[in-house]
Amino acid sequence: MITQKVIEQLYKTYKKPPLSADDLDIDLLFLHVLETHDIAIDDHANLLIGSLPEGSPFHKIPLRHIHAIVEFESRIAIVLHSSILFLNKRDSHSNVHIRMPKHSLLEKIFARADCD
């Protein structure tokens, strides 16, 4: 099961993309979700996910933006800087986790002052 703790660990473990797209475990996508999500890589080094609408920001992802591709029991996670796309292995469903920015102490103080 993918918990909030697991998600936080993914962001912590994969803070930066690898030096080369060759270091990504792209084979996981082609082994587990090729057919259910219509996965392809175009000539411009973009990962195309056909199961998502063309208007989705996750339909076309530059490989240089992907920090990691991680396998779970029933999903494949594509870890990006501020989001994680979870592709279901059994069907074309997907979920996205969006990481909310953390506010500094000063931002919290000024936000509270604006409320008064």
PDB file of N, CA and C in Angstrom:
ATOM      1  N   MET A   1       0.838  -1.175   0.000  1.00  0.00           N
ATOM      2  CA  MET A   1       0.000   0.000   0.000  1.00  0.00           C
ATOM      3  C   MET A   1       0.891   1.249   0.000  1.00  0.00           C
ATOM      4  N   ILE A   2       0.474   2.230  -0.770  1.00  0.00           N
ATOM      5  CA  ILE A   2       1.247   3.462  -0.881  1.00  0.00           C
ATOM      6  C   ILE A   2       0.661   4.482   0.097  1.00  0.00           C
ATOM      7  N   THR A   3       1.407   4.746   1.140  1.00  0.00           N
ATOM      8  CA  THR A   3       0.966   5.669   2.182  1.00  0.00           C
ATOM      9  C   THR A   3       1.636   7.029   1.998  1.00  0.00           C
ATOM     10  N   GLN A   4       1.203   7.992   2.793  1.00  0.00           N
ATOM     11  CA  GLN A   4       1.815   9.322   2.761  1.00  0.00           C
ATOM     12  C   GLN A   4       3.298   9.231   3.120  1.00  0.00           C
ATOM     13  N   LYS A   5       3.622   8.339   4.018  1.00  0.00           N
ATOM     14  CA  LYS A   5       5.025   8.149   4.421  1.00  0.00           C
ATOM     15  C   LYS A   5       5.858   7.637   3.246  1.00  0.00           C
ATOM     16  N   VAL A   6       5.295   6.712   2.476  1.00  0.00           N
ATOM     17  CA  VAL A   6       5.988   6.182   1.285  1.00  0.00           C
ATOM     18  C   VAL A   6       6.191   7.298   0.264  1.00  0.00           C
ATOM     19  N   ILE A   7       5.164   8.102   0.073  1.00  0.00           N
ATOM     20  CA  ILE A   7       5.257   9.214  -0.876  1.00  0.00           C
ATOM     21  C   ILE A   7       6.347  10.201  -0.449  1.00  0.00           C
ATOM     22  N   GLU A   8       6.377  10.545   0.820  1.00  0.00           N
ATOM     23  CA  GLU A   8       7.408  11.455   1.328  1.00  0.00           C
ATOM     24  C   GLU A   8       8.802  10.864   1.132  1.00  0.00           C
ATOM     25  N   GLN A   9       8.923   9.560   1.323  1.00  0.00           N
ATOM     26  CA  GLN A   9      10.216   8.894   1.134  1.00  0.00           C
ATOM     27  C   GLN A   9      10.647   8.933  -0.338  1.00  0.00           C
ATOM     28  N   LEU A  10       9.695   8.804  -1.260  1.00  0.00           N
ATOM     29  CA  LEU A  10      10.023   8.889  -2.686  1.00  0.00           C
ATOM     30  C   LEU A  10      10.588  10.271  -3.016  1.00  0.00           C
ATOM     31  N   TYR A  11       9.926  11.322  -2.535  1.00  0.00           N
ATOM     32  CA  TYR A  11      10.433  12.681  -2.791  1.00  0.00           C
ATOM     33  C   TYR A  11      11.820  12.873  -2.170  1.00  0.00           C
ATOM     34  N   LYS A  12      12.012  12.335  -0.986  1.00  0.00           N
ATOM     35  CA  LYS A  12      13.292  12.491  -0.286  1.00  0.00           C
ATOM     36  C   LYS A  12      14.403  11.711  -0.980  1.00  0.00           C
ATOM     37  N   THR A  13      14.100  10.489  -1.403  1.00  0.00           N
ATOM     38  CA  THR A  13      15.097   9.625  -2.036  1.00  0.00           C
ATOM     39  C   THR A  13      15.490  10.126  -3.423  1.00  0.00           C
ATOM     40  N   TYR A  14      14.511  10.632  -4.160  1.00  0.00           N
ATOM     41  CA  TYR A  14      14.752  11.049  -5.549  1.00  0.00           C
ATOM     42  C   TYR A  14      14.575  12.558  -5.690  1.00  0.00           C
ATOM     43  N   LYS A  15      15.458  13.311  -5.027  1.00  0.00           N
ATOM     44  CA  LYS A  15      15.387  14.773  -5.037  1.00  0.00           C
ATOM     45  C   LYS A  15      15.743  15.365  -6.397  1.00  0.00           C
ATOM     46  N   LYS A  16      16.627  14.680  -7.118  1.00  0.00           N
ATOM     47  CA  LYS A  16      17.115  15.200  -8.396  1.00  0.00           C
ATOM     48  C   LYS A  16      17.006  14.121  -9.461  1.00  0.00           C
ATOM     49  N   PRO A  17      16.866  14.537 -10.715  1.00  0.00           N
ATOM     50  CA  PRO A  17      16.852  13.542 -11.790  1.00  0.00           C
ATOM     51  C   PRO A  17      18.247  12.951 -11.973  1.00  0.00           C
ATOM     52  N   PRO A  18      18.331  11.771 -12.553  1.00  0.00           N
ATOM     53  CA  PRO A  18      19.657  11.194 -12.803  1.00  0.00           C
ATOM     54  C   PRO A  18      20.409  12.019 -13.852  1.00  0.00           C
ATOM     55  N   LEU A  19      21.696  11.813 -13.930  1.00  0.00           N
ATOM     56  CA  LEU A  19      22.514  12.559 -14.889  1.00  0.00           C
ATOM     57  C   LEU A  19      22.107  12.266 -16.333  1.00  0.00           C
ATOM     58  N   SER A  20      21.607  11.064 -16.570  1.00  0.00           N
ATOM     59  CA  SER A  20      21.205  10.666 -17.911  1.00  0.00           C
ATOM     60  C   SER A  20      19.891   9.894 -17.846  1.00  0.00           C
ATOM     61  N   ALA A  21      19.082  10.044 -18.872  1.00  0.00           N
ATOM     62  CA  ALA A  21      17.823   9.293 -18.943  1.00  0.00           C
ATOM     63  C   ALA A  21      18.087   7.792 -19.022  1.00  0.00           C
ATOM     64  N   ASP A  22      19.294   7.423 -19.433  1.00  0.00           N
ATOM     65  CA  ASP A  22      19.663   5.999 -19.491  1.00  0.00           C
ATOM     66  C   ASP A  22      19.684   5.371 -18.101  1.00  0.00           C
ATOM     67  N   ASP A  23      19.808   6.193 -17.070  1.00  0.00           N
ATOM     68  CA  ASP A  23      19.842   5.686 -15.702  1.00  0.00           C
ATOM     69  C   ASP A  23      18.441   5.448 -15.121  1.00  0.00           C
ATOM     70  N   LEU A  24      17.403   5.861 -15.836  1.00  0.00           N
ATOM     71  CA  LEU A  24      16.034   5.601 -15.397  1.00  0.00           C
ATOM     72  C   LEU A  24      15.666   4.152 -15.707  1.00  0.00           C
ATOM     73  N   ASP A  25      14.826   3.568 -14.894  1.00  0.00           N
ATOM     74  CA  ASP A  25      14.386   2.189 -15.110  1.00  0.00           C
ATOM     75  C   ASP A  25      13.157   2.178 -16.023  1.00  0.00           C
ATOM     76  N   ILE A  26      13.356   2.655 -17.251  1.00  0.00           N
ATOM     77  CA  ILE A  26      12.267   2.777 -18.217  1.00  0.00           C
ATOM     78  C   ILE A  26      11.691   1.410 -18.580  1.00  0.00           C
ATOM     79  N   ASP A  27      12.490   0.371 -18.455  1.00  0.00           N
ATOM     80  CA  ASP A  27      12.005  -0.984 -18.760  1.00  0.00           C
ATOM     81  C   ASP A  27      10.769  -1.337 -17.945  1.00  0.00           C
ATOM     82  N   LEU A  28      10.654  -0.819 -16.729  1.00  0.00           N
ATOM     83  CA  LEU A  28       9.473  -1.092 -15.902  1.00  0.00           C
ATOM     84  C   LEU A  28       8.199  -0.647 -16.604  1.00  0.00           C
ATOM     85  N   LEU A  29       8.259   0.484 -17.277  1.00  0.00           N
ATOM     86  CA  LEU A  29       7.082   0.974 -17.994  1.00  0.00           C
ATOM     87  C   LEU A  29       6.700   0.035 -19.126  1.00  0.00           C
ATOM     88  N   PHE A  30       7.691  -0.408 -19.875  1.00  0.00           N
ATOM     89  CA  PHE A  30       7.407  -1.265 -21.020  1.00  0.00           C
ATOM     90  C   PHE A  30       7.050  -2.690 -20.601  1.00  0.00           C
ATOM     91  N   LEU A  31       7.509  -3.121 -19.448  1.00  0.00           N
ATOM     92  CA  LEU A  31       7.156  -4.458 -18.941  1.00  0.00           C
ATOM     93  C   LEU A  31       5.754  -4.509 -18.354  1.00  0.00           C
ATOM     94  N   HIS A  32       5.345  -3.452 -17.649  1.00  0.00           N
ATOM     95  CA  HIS A  32       4.121  -3.531 -16.851  1.00  0.00           C
ATOM     96  C   HIS A  32       2.955  -2.674 -17.335  1.00  0.00           C
ATOM     97  N   VAL A  33       3.206  -1.553 -17.992  1.00  0.00           N
ATOM     98  CA  VAL A  33       2.090  -0.662 -18.329  1.00  0.00           C
ATOM     99  C   VAL A  33       2.060  -0.231 -19.797  1.00  0.00           C
ATOM    100  N   LEU A  34       2.836  -0.870 -20.637  1.00  0.00           N
ATOM    101  CA  LEU A  34       2.895  -0.508 -22.056  1.00  0.00           C
ATOM    102  C   LEU A  34       1.512  -0.552 -22.696  1.00  0.00           C
ATOM    103  N   GLU A  35       0.828  -1.657 -22.545  1.00  0.00           N
ATOM    104  CA  GLU A  35      -0.468  -1.821 -23.218  1.00  0.00           C
ATOM    105  C   GLU A  35      -1.599  -1.085 -22.508  1.00  0.00           C
ATOM    106  N   THR A  36      -1.628  -1.120 -21.188  1.00  0.00           N
ATOM    107  CA  THR A  36      -2.746  -0.506 -20.467  1.00  0.00           C
ATOM    108  C   THR A  36      -2.705   1.020 -20.509  1.00  0.00           C
ATOM    109  N   HIS A  37      -1.524   1.585 -20.675  1.00  0.00           N
ATOM    110  CA  HIS A  37      -1.406   3.052 -20.676  1.00  0.00           C
ATOM    111  C   HIS A  37      -0.864   3.605 -21.986  1.00  0.00           C
ATOM    112  N   ASP A  38      -0.669   2.751 -22.993  1.00  0.00           N
ATOM    113  CA  ASP A  38      -0.210   3.188 -24.310  1.00  0.00           C
ATOM    114  C   ASP A  38       1.046   4.057 -24.183  1.00  0.00           C
ATOM    115  N   ILE A  39       2.093   3.459 -23.626  1.00  0.00           N
ATOM    116  CA  ILE A  39       3.359   4.152 -23.350  1.00  0.00           C
ATOM    117  C   ILE A  39       4.228   4.204 -24.611  1.00  0.00           C
ATOM    118  N   ALA A  40       4.860   5.353 -24.836  1.00  0.00           N
ATOM    119  CA  ALA A  40       5.804   5.510 -25.945  1.00  0.00           C
ATOM    120  C   ALA A  40       6.807   6.603 -25.575  1.00  0.00           C
ATOM    121  N   ILE A  41       7.913   6.608 -26.290  1.00  0.00           N
ATOM    122  CA  ILE A  41       8.907   7.681 -26.172  1.00  0.00           C
ATOM    123  C   ILE A  41       9.070   8.269 -27.560  1.00  0.00           C
ATOM    124  N   ASP A  42       8.882   9.586 -27.673  1.00  0.00           N
ATOM    125  CA  ASP A  42       8.958  10.224 -28.991  1.00  0.00           C
ATOM    126  C   ASP A  42      10.406  10.588 -29.352  1.00  0.00           C
ATOM    127  N   ASP A  43      10.571  11.171 -30.523  1.00  0.00           N
ATOM    128  CA  ASP A  43      11.899  11.531 -31.034  1.00  0.00           C
ATOM    129  C   ASP A  43      12.565  12.651 -30.240  1.00  0.00           C
ATOM    130  N   HIS A  44      11.801  13.365 -29.425  1.00  0.00           N
ATOM    131  CA  HIS A  44      12.334  14.484 -28.645  1.00  0.00           C
ATOM    132  C   HIS A  44      12.575  14.100 -27.191  1.00  0.00           C
ATOM    133  N   ALA A  45      12.683  12.805 -26.904  1.00  0.00           N
ATOM    134  CA  ALA A  45      12.938  12.282 -25.557  1.00  0.00           C
ATOM    135  C   ALA A  45      11.840  12.669 -24.566  1.00  0.00           C
ATOM    136  N   ASN A  46      10.597  12.539 -25.005  1.00  0.00           N
ATOM    137  CA  ASN A  46       9.442  12.743 -24.141  1.00  0.00           C
ATOM    138  C   ASN A  46       8.749  11.416 -23.911  1.00  0.00           C
ATOM    139  N   LEU A  47       8.332  11.169 -22.688  1.00  0.00           N
ATOM    140  CA  LEU A  47       7.516  10.006 -22.371  1.00  0.00           C
ATOM    141  C   LEU A  47       6.070  10.377 -22.669  1.00  0.00           C
ATOM    142  N   LEU A  48       5.421   9.595 -23.523  1.00  0.00           N
ATOM    143  CA  LEU A  48       4.026   9.833 -23.881  1.00  0.00           C
ATOM    144  C   LEU A  48       3.167   8.784 -23.194  1.00  0.00           C
ATOM    145  N   ILE A  49       2.122   9.243 -22.520  1.00  0.00           N
ATOM    146  CA  ILE A  49       1.208   8.339 -21.823  1.00  0.00           C
ATOM    147  C   ILE A  49      -0.154   8.491 -22.480  1.00  0.00           C
ATOM    148  N   GLY A  50      -0.475   7.561 -23.352  1.00  0.00           N
ATOM    149  CA  GLY A  50      -1.686   7.635 -24.156  1.00  0.00           C
ATOM    150  C   GLY A  50      -2.974   7.482 -23.380  1.00  0.00           C
ATOM    151  N   SER A  51      -2.918   6.914 -22.194  1.00  0.00           N
ATOM    152  CA  SER A  51      -4.139   6.740 -21.396  1.00  0.00           C
ATOM    153  C   SER A  51      -4.600   8.044 -20.747  1.00  0.00           C
ATOM    154  N   LEU A  52      -3.760   9.065 -20.808  1.00  0.00           N
ATOM    155  CA  LEU A  52      -4.114  10.383 -20.262  1.00  0.00           C
ATOM    156  C   LEU A  52      -4.502  11.312 -21.404  1.00  0.00           C
ATOM    157  N   PRO A  53      -5.469  12.206 -21.182  1.00  0.00           N
ATOM    158  CA  PRO A  53      -5.876  13.126 -22.246  1.00  0.00           C
ATOM    159  C   PRO A  53      -4.722  14.030 -22.680  1.00  0.00           C
ATOM    160  N   GLU A  54      -4.742  14.424 -23.936  1.00  0.00           N
ATOM    161  CA  GLU A  54      -3.665  15.275 -24.466  1.00  0.00           C
ATOM    162  C   GLU A  54      -3.546  16.593 -23.718  1.00  0.00           C
ATOM    163  N   GLY A  55      -4.614  17.086 -23.132  1.00  0.00           N
ATOM    164  CA  GLY A  55      -4.580  18.336 -22.381  1.00  0.00           C
ATOM    165  C   GLY A  55      -3.970  18.196 -21.002  1.00  0.00           C
ATOM    166  N   SER A  56      -3.725  16.967 -20.561  1.00  0.00           N
ATOM    167  CA  SER A  56      -3.152  16.738 -19.241  1.00  0.00           C
ATOM    168  C   SER A  56      -1.666  17.094 -19.239  1.00  0.00           C
ATOM    169  N   PRO A  57      -1.195  17.747 -18.170  1.00  0.00           N
ATOM    170  CA  PRO A  57       0.244  18.046 -18.098  1.00  0.00           C
ATOM    171  C   PRO A  57       1.094  16.778 -17.962  1.00  0.00           C
ATOM    172  N   PHE A  58       0.465  15.645 -17.700  1.00  0.00           N
ATOM    173  CA  PHE A  58       1.199  14.393 -17.553  1.00  0.00           C
ATOM    174  C   PHE A  58       1.120  13.512 -18.798  1.00  0.00           C
ATOM    175  N   HIS A  59       0.463  13.991 -19.842  1.00  0.00           N
ATOM    176  CA  HIS A  59       0.380  13.221 -21.089  1.00  0.00           C
ATOM    177  C   HIS A  59       1.756  13.104 -21.753  1.00  0.00           C
ATOM    178  N   LYS A  60       2.514  14.201 -21.736  1.00  0.00           N
ATOM    179  CA  LYS A  60       3.855  14.224 -22.342  1.00  0.00           C
ATOM    180  C   LYS A  60       4.828  14.766 -21.301  1.00  0.00           C
ATOM    181  N   ILE A  61       5.761  13.916 -20.873  1.00  0.00           N
ATOM    182  CA  ILE A  61       6.722  14.294 -19.838  1.00  0.00           C
ATOM    183  C   ILE A  61       8.141  14.172 -20.407  1.00  0.00           C
ATOM    184  N   PRO A  62       8.904  15.262 -20.428  1.00  0.00           N
ATOM    185  CA  PRO A  62      10.297  15.151 -20.869  1.00  0.00           C
ATOM    186  C   PRO A  62      11.067  14.188 -19.941  1.00  0.00           C
ATOM    187  N   LEU A  63      11.813  13.293 -20.519  1.00  0.00           N
ATOM    188  CA  LEU A  63      12.574  12.332 -19.710  1.00  0.00           C
ATOM    189  C   LEU A  63      13.519  13.036 -18.745  1.00  0.00           C
ATOM    190  N   ARG A  64      14.020  14.201 -19.121  1.00  0.00           N
ATOM    191  CA  ARG A  64      14.953  14.927 -18.245  1.00  0.00           C
ATOM    192  C   ARG A  64      14.274  15.430 -16.973  1.00  0.00           C
ATOM    193  N   HIS A  65      12.925  15.453 -16.941  1.00  0.00           N
ATOM    194  CA  HIS A  65      12.187  15.887 -15.750  1.00  0.00           C
ATOM    195  C   HIS A  65      11.863  14.736 -14.804  1.00  0.00           C
ATOM    196  N   ILE A  66      12.073  13.514 -15.260  1.00  0.00           N
ATOM    197  CA  ILE A  66      11.740  12.348 -14.433  1.00  0.00           C
ATOM    198  C   ILE A  66      12.905  12.041 -13.500  1.00  0.00           C
ATOM    199  N   HIS A  67      12.615  11.990 -12.208  1.00  0.00           N
ATOM    200  CA  HIS A  67      13.642  11.697 -11.211  1.00  0.00           C
ATOM    201  C   HIS A  67      13.829  10.197 -11.021  1.00  0.00           C
ATOM    202  N   ALA A  68      12.739   9.431 -11.131  1.00  0.00           N
ATOM    203  CA  ALA A  68      12.835   7.980 -10.959  1.00  0.00           C
ATOM    204  C   ALA A  68      11.562   7.309 -11.450  1.00  0.00           C
ATOM    205  N   ILE A  69      11.686   6.027 -11.731  1.00  0.00           N
ATOM    206  CA  ILE A  69      10.546   5.172 -12.044  1.00  0.00           C
ATOM    207  C   ILE A  69      10.643   4.010 -11.076  1.00  0.00           C
ATOM    208  N   VAL A  70       9.606   3.847 -10.245  1.00  0.00           N
ATOM    209  CA  VAL A  70       9.661   2.891  -9.136  1.00  0.00           C
ATOM    210  C   VAL A  70       8.473   1.932  -9.229  1.00  0.00           C
ATOM    211  N   GLU A  71       8.755   0.661  -9.022  1.00  0.00           N
ATOM    212  CA  GLU A  71       7.697  -0.350  -9.079  1.00  0.00           C
ATOM    213  C   GLU A  71       7.132  -0.643  -7.690  1.00  0.00           C
ATOM    214  N   PHE A  72       5.808  -0.717  -7.630  1.00  0.00           N
ATOM    215  CA  PHE A  72       5.097  -1.179  -6.450  1.00  0.00           C
ATOM    216  C   PHE A  72       4.277  -2.397  -6.854  1.00  0.00           C
ATOM    217  N   GLU A  73       3.620  -3.014  -5.911  1.00  0.00           N
ATOM    218  CA  GLU A  73       2.872  -4.238  -6.192  1.00  0.00           C
ATOM    219  C   GLU A  73       1.862  -4.059  -7.336  1.00  0.00           C
ATOM    220  N   SER A  74       1.063  -3.020  -7.275  1.00  0.00           N
ATOM    221  CA  SER A  74       0.018  -2.855  -8.282  1.00  0.00           C
ATOM    222  C   SER A  74       0.171  -1.579  -9.123  1.00  0.00           C
ATOM    223  N   ARG A  75       1.250  -0.824  -8.886  1.00  0.00           N
ATOM    224  CA  ARG A  75       1.432   0.441  -9.607  1.00  0.00           C
ATOM    225  C   ARG A  75       2.894   0.673  -9.972  1.00  0.00           C
ATOM    226  N   ILE A  76       3.068   1.545 -10.944  1.00  0.00           N
ATOM    227  CA  ILE A  76       4.383   2.063 -11.295  1.00  0.00           C
ATOM    228  C   ILE A  76       4.344   3.562 -10.994  1.00  0.00           C
ATOM    229  N   ALA A  77       5.323   4.041 -10.240  1.00  0.00           N
ATOM    230  CA  ALA A  77       5.389   5.460  -9.884  1.00  0.00           C
ATOM    231  C   ALA A  77       6.416   6.159 -10.765  1.00  0.00           C
ATOM    232  N   ILE A  78       6.001   7.285 -11.320  1.00  0.00           N
ATOM    233  CA  ILE A  78       6.914   8.153 -12.061  1.00  0.00           C
ATOM    234  C   ILE A  78       7.116   9.377 -11.182  1.00  0.00           C
ATOM    235  N   VAL A  79       8.318   9.489 -10.616  1.00  0.00           N
ATOM    236  CA  VAL A  79       8.616  10.544  -9.649  1.00  0.00           C
ATOM    237  C   VAL A  79       9.175  11.763 -10.377  1.00  0.00           C
ATOM    238  N   LEU A  80       8.526  12.897 -10.167  1.00  0.00           N
ATOM    239  CA  LEU A  80       8.961  14.172 -10.714  1.00  0.00           C
ATOM    240  C   LEU A  80       9.330  15.088  -9.544  1.00  0.00           C
ATOM    241  N   HIS A  81       9.743  16.306  -9.825  1.00  0.00           N
ATOM    242  CA  HIS A  81      10.164  17.220  -8.759  1.00  0.00           C
ATOM    243  C   HIS A  81       9.060  17.479  -7.741  1.00  0.00           C
ATOM    244  N   SER A  82       7.877  17.831  -8.210  1.00  0.00           N
ATOM    245  CA  SER A  82       6.801  18.232  -7.304  1.00  0.00           C
ATOM    246  C   SER A  82       5.544  17.377  -7.440  1.00  0.00           C
ATOM    247  N   SER A  83       5.663  16.249  -8.102  1.00  0.00           N
ATOM    248  CA  SER A  83       4.511  15.372  -8.256  1.00  0.00           C
ATOM    249  C   SER A  83       4.975  13.944  -8.529  1.00  0.00           C
ATOM    250  N   ILE A  84       4.061  13.035  -8.279  1.00  0.00           N
ATOM    251  CA  ILE A  84       4.307  11.624  -8.578  1.00  0.00           C
ATOM    252  C   ILE A  84       3.083  11.106  -9.312  1.00  0.00           C
ATOM    253  N   LEU A  85       3.306  10.513 -10.461  1.00  0.00           N
ATOM    254  CA  LEU A  85       2.247   9.907 -11.250  1.00  0.00           C
ATOM    255  C   LEU A  85       2.266   8.409 -10.981  1.00  0.00           C
ATOM    256  N   PHE A  86       1.142   7.877 -10.526  1.00  0.00           N
ATOM    257  CA  PHE A  86       1.016   6.446 -10.263  1.00  0.00           C
ATOM    258  C   PHE A  86       0.178   5.828 -11.369  1.00  0.00           C
ATOM    259  N   LEU A  87       0.763   4.898 -12.117  1.00  0.00           N
ATOM    260  CA  LEU A  87       0.061   4.196 -13.186  1.00  0.00           C
ATOM    261  C   LEU A  87      -0.308   2.805 -12.691  1.00  0.00           C
ATOM    262  N   ASN A  88      -1.591   2.453 -12.781  1.00  0.00           N
ATOM    263  CA  ASN A  88      -2.057   1.145 -12.360  1.00  0.00           C
ATOM    264  C   ASN A  88      -1.557   0.094 -13.348  1.00  0.00           C
ATOM    265  N   LYS A  89      -1.093  -1.038 -12.861  1.00  0.00           N
ATOM    266  CA  LYS A  89      -0.572  -2.098 -13.719  1.00  0.00           C
ATOM    267  C   LYS A  89      -1.687  -2.892 -14.400  1.00  0.00           C
ATOM    268  N   ARG A  90      -2.864  -2.951 -13.780  1.00  0.00           N
ATOM    269  CA  ARG A  90      -3.931  -3.834 -14.259  1.00  0.00           C
ATOM    270  C   ARG A  90      -4.911  -3.164 -15.220  1.00  0.00           C
ATOM    271  N   ASP A  91      -5.004  -1.838 -15.155  1.00  0.00           N
ATOM    272  CA  ASP A  91      -5.936  -1.126 -16.035  1.00  0.00           C
ATOM    273  C   ASP A  91      -5.376   0.258 -16.342  1.00  0.00           C
ATOM    274  N   SER A  92      -6.166   1.079 -17.018  1.00  0.00           N
ATOM    275  CA  SER A  92      -5.660   2.378 -17.465  1.00  0.00           C
ATOM    276  C   SER A  92      -5.876   3.504 -16.454  1.00  0.00           C
ATOM    277  N   HIS A  93      -6.201   3.159 -15.224  1.00  0.00           N
ATOM    278  CA  HIS A  93      -6.379   4.181 -14.195  1.00  0.00           C
ATOM    279  C   HIS A  93      -5.024   4.730 -13.728  1.00  0.00           C
ATOM    280  N   SER A  94      -5.048   5.978 -13.326  1.00  0.00           N
ATOM    281  CA  SER A  94      -3.832   6.608 -12.808  1.00  0.00           C
ATOM    282  C   SER A  94      -4.220   7.590 -11.703  1.00  0.00           C
ATOM    283  N   ASN A  95      -3.253   7.883 -10.854  1.00  0.00           N
ATOM    284  CA  ASN A  95      -3.429   8.857  -9.779  1.00  0.00           C
ATOM    285  C   ASN A  95      -2.198   9.748  -9.755  1.00  0.00           C
ATOM    286  N   VAL A  96      -2.404  10.975  -9.287  1.00  0.00           N
ATOM    287  CA  VAL A  96      -1.297  11.918  -9.192  1.00  0.00           C
ATOM    288  C   VAL A  96      -1.241  12.471  -7.775  1.00  0.00           C
ATOM    289  N   HIS A  97      -0.038  12.518  -7.230  1.00  0.00           N
ATOM    290  CA  HIS A  97       0.171  13.205  -5.962  1.00  0.00           C
ATOM    291  C   HIS A  97       0.910  14.492  -6.283  1.00  0.00           C
ATOM    292  N   ILE A  98       0.368  15.619  -5.833  1.00  0.00           N
ATOM    293  CA  ILE A  98       1.004  16.924  -6.026  1.00  0.00           C
ATOM    294  C   ILE A  98       1.573  17.366  -4.685  1.00  0.00           C
ATOM    295  N   ARG A  99       2.848  17.639  -4.661  1.00  0.00           N
ATOM    296  CA  ARG A  99       3.490  18.100  -3.426  1.00  0.00           C
ATOM    297  C   ARG A  99       3.247  19.594  -3.277  1.00  0.00           C
ATOM    298  N   MET A 100       2.695  19.950  -2.142  1.00  0.00           N
ATOM    299  CA  MET A 100       2.429  21.358  -1.857  1.00  0.00           C
ATOM    300  C   MET A 100       3.717  22.001  -1.343  1.00  0.00           C
ATOM    301  N   PRO A 101       3.960  23.261  -1.755  1.00  0.00           N
ATOM    302  CA  PRO A 101       5.189  23.925  -1.292  1.00  0.00           C
ATOM    303  C   PRO A 101       5.144  24.163   0.214  1.00  0.00           C
ATOM    304  N   LYS A 102       6.289  24.015   0.847  1.00  0.00           N
ATOM    305  CA  LYS A 102       6.395  24.289   2.279  1.00  0.00           C
ATOM    306  C   LYS A 102       6.713  25.763   2.470  1.00  0.00           C
ATOM    307  N   HIS A 103       6.054  26.371   3.429  1.00  0.00           N
ATOM    308  CA  HIS A 103       6.262  27.790   3.691  1.00  0.00           C
ATOM    309  C   HIS A 103       7.329  27.970   4.766  1.00  0.00           C
ATOM    310  N   SER A 104       8.145  28.992   4.561  1.00  0.00           N
ATOM    311  CA  SER A 104       9.174  29.311   5.548  1.00  0.00           C
ATOM    312  C   SER A 104       8.523  29.948   6.771  1.00  0.00           C
ATOM    313  N   LEU A 105       9.276  30.061   7.832  1.00  0.00           N
ATOM    314  CA  LEU A 105       8.762  30.675   9.052  1.00  0.00           C
ATOM    315  C   LEU A 105       8.300  32.109   8.783  1.00  0.00           C
ATOM    316  N   LEU A 106       9.075  32.867   8.016  1.00  0.00           N
ATOM    317  CA  LEU A 106       8.692  34.253   7.705  1.00  0.00           C
ATOM    318  C   LEU A 106       7.395  34.309   6.903  1.00  0.00           C
ATOM    319  N   GLU A 107       7.247  33.415   5.948  1.00  0.00           N
ATOM    320  CA  GLU A 107       6.011  33.382   5.162  1.00  0.00           C
ATOM    321  C   GLU A 107       4.812  33.072   6.052  1.00  0.00           C
ATOM    322  N   LYS A 108       4.974  32.174   6.999  1.00  0.00           N
ATOM    323  CA  LYS A 108       3.894  31.833   7.925  1.00  0.00           C
ATOM    324  C   LYS A 108       3.534  33.031   8.798  1.00  0.00           C
ATOM    325  N   ILE A 109       4.553  33.753   9.271  1.00  0.00           N
ATOM    326  CA  ILE A 109       4.310  34.927  10.113  1.00  0.00           C
ATOM    327  C   ILE A 109       3.566  35.995   9.335  1.00  0.00           C
ATOM    328  N   PHE A 110       4.024  36.294   8.106  1.00  0.00           N
ATOM    329  CA  PHE A 110       3.380  37.325   7.317  1.00  0.00           C
ATOM    330  C   PHE A 110       1.975  36.904   6.877  1.00  0.00           C
ATOM    331  N   ALA A 111       1.764  35.629   6.629  1.00  0.00           N
ATOM    332  CA  ALA A 111       0.432  35.153   6.262  1.00  0.00           C
ATOM    333  C   ALA A 111      -0.521  35.319   7.444  1.00  0.00           C
ATOM    334  N   ARG A 112      -0.044  35.050   8.634  1.00  0.00           N
ATOM    335  CA  ARG A 112      -0.870  35.213   9.838  1.00  0.00           C
ATOM    336  C   ARG A 112      -1.165  36.699  10.073  1.00  0.00           C
ATOM    337  N   ALA A 113      -0.181  37.563   9.819  1.00  0.00           N
ATOM    338  CA  ALA A 113      -0.371  39.008  10.011  1.00  0.00           C
ATOM    339  C   ALA A 113      -1.418  39.539   9.039  1.00  0.00           C
ATOM    340  N   ASP A 114      -1.475  38.972   7.810  1.00  0.00           N
ATOM    341  CA  ASP A 114      -2.455  39.405   6.820  1.00  0.00           C
ATOM    342  C   ASP A 114      -3.872  39.037   7.230  1.00  0.00           C
ATOM    343  N   CYS A 115      -4.015  37.974   8.017  1.00  0.00           N
ATOM    344  CA  CYS A 115      -5.332  37.517   8.449  1.00  0.00           C
ATOM    345  C   CYS A 115      -5.906  38.398   9.556  1.00  0.00           C
ATOM    346  N   ASP A 116      -5.057  39.069  10.299  1.00  0.00           N
ATOM    347  CA  ASP A 116      -5.538  39.894  11.442  1.00  0.00           C
ATOM    348  C   ASP A 116      -6.139  41.181  11.005  1.00  0.00           C
TER     349      ASP A 116
END
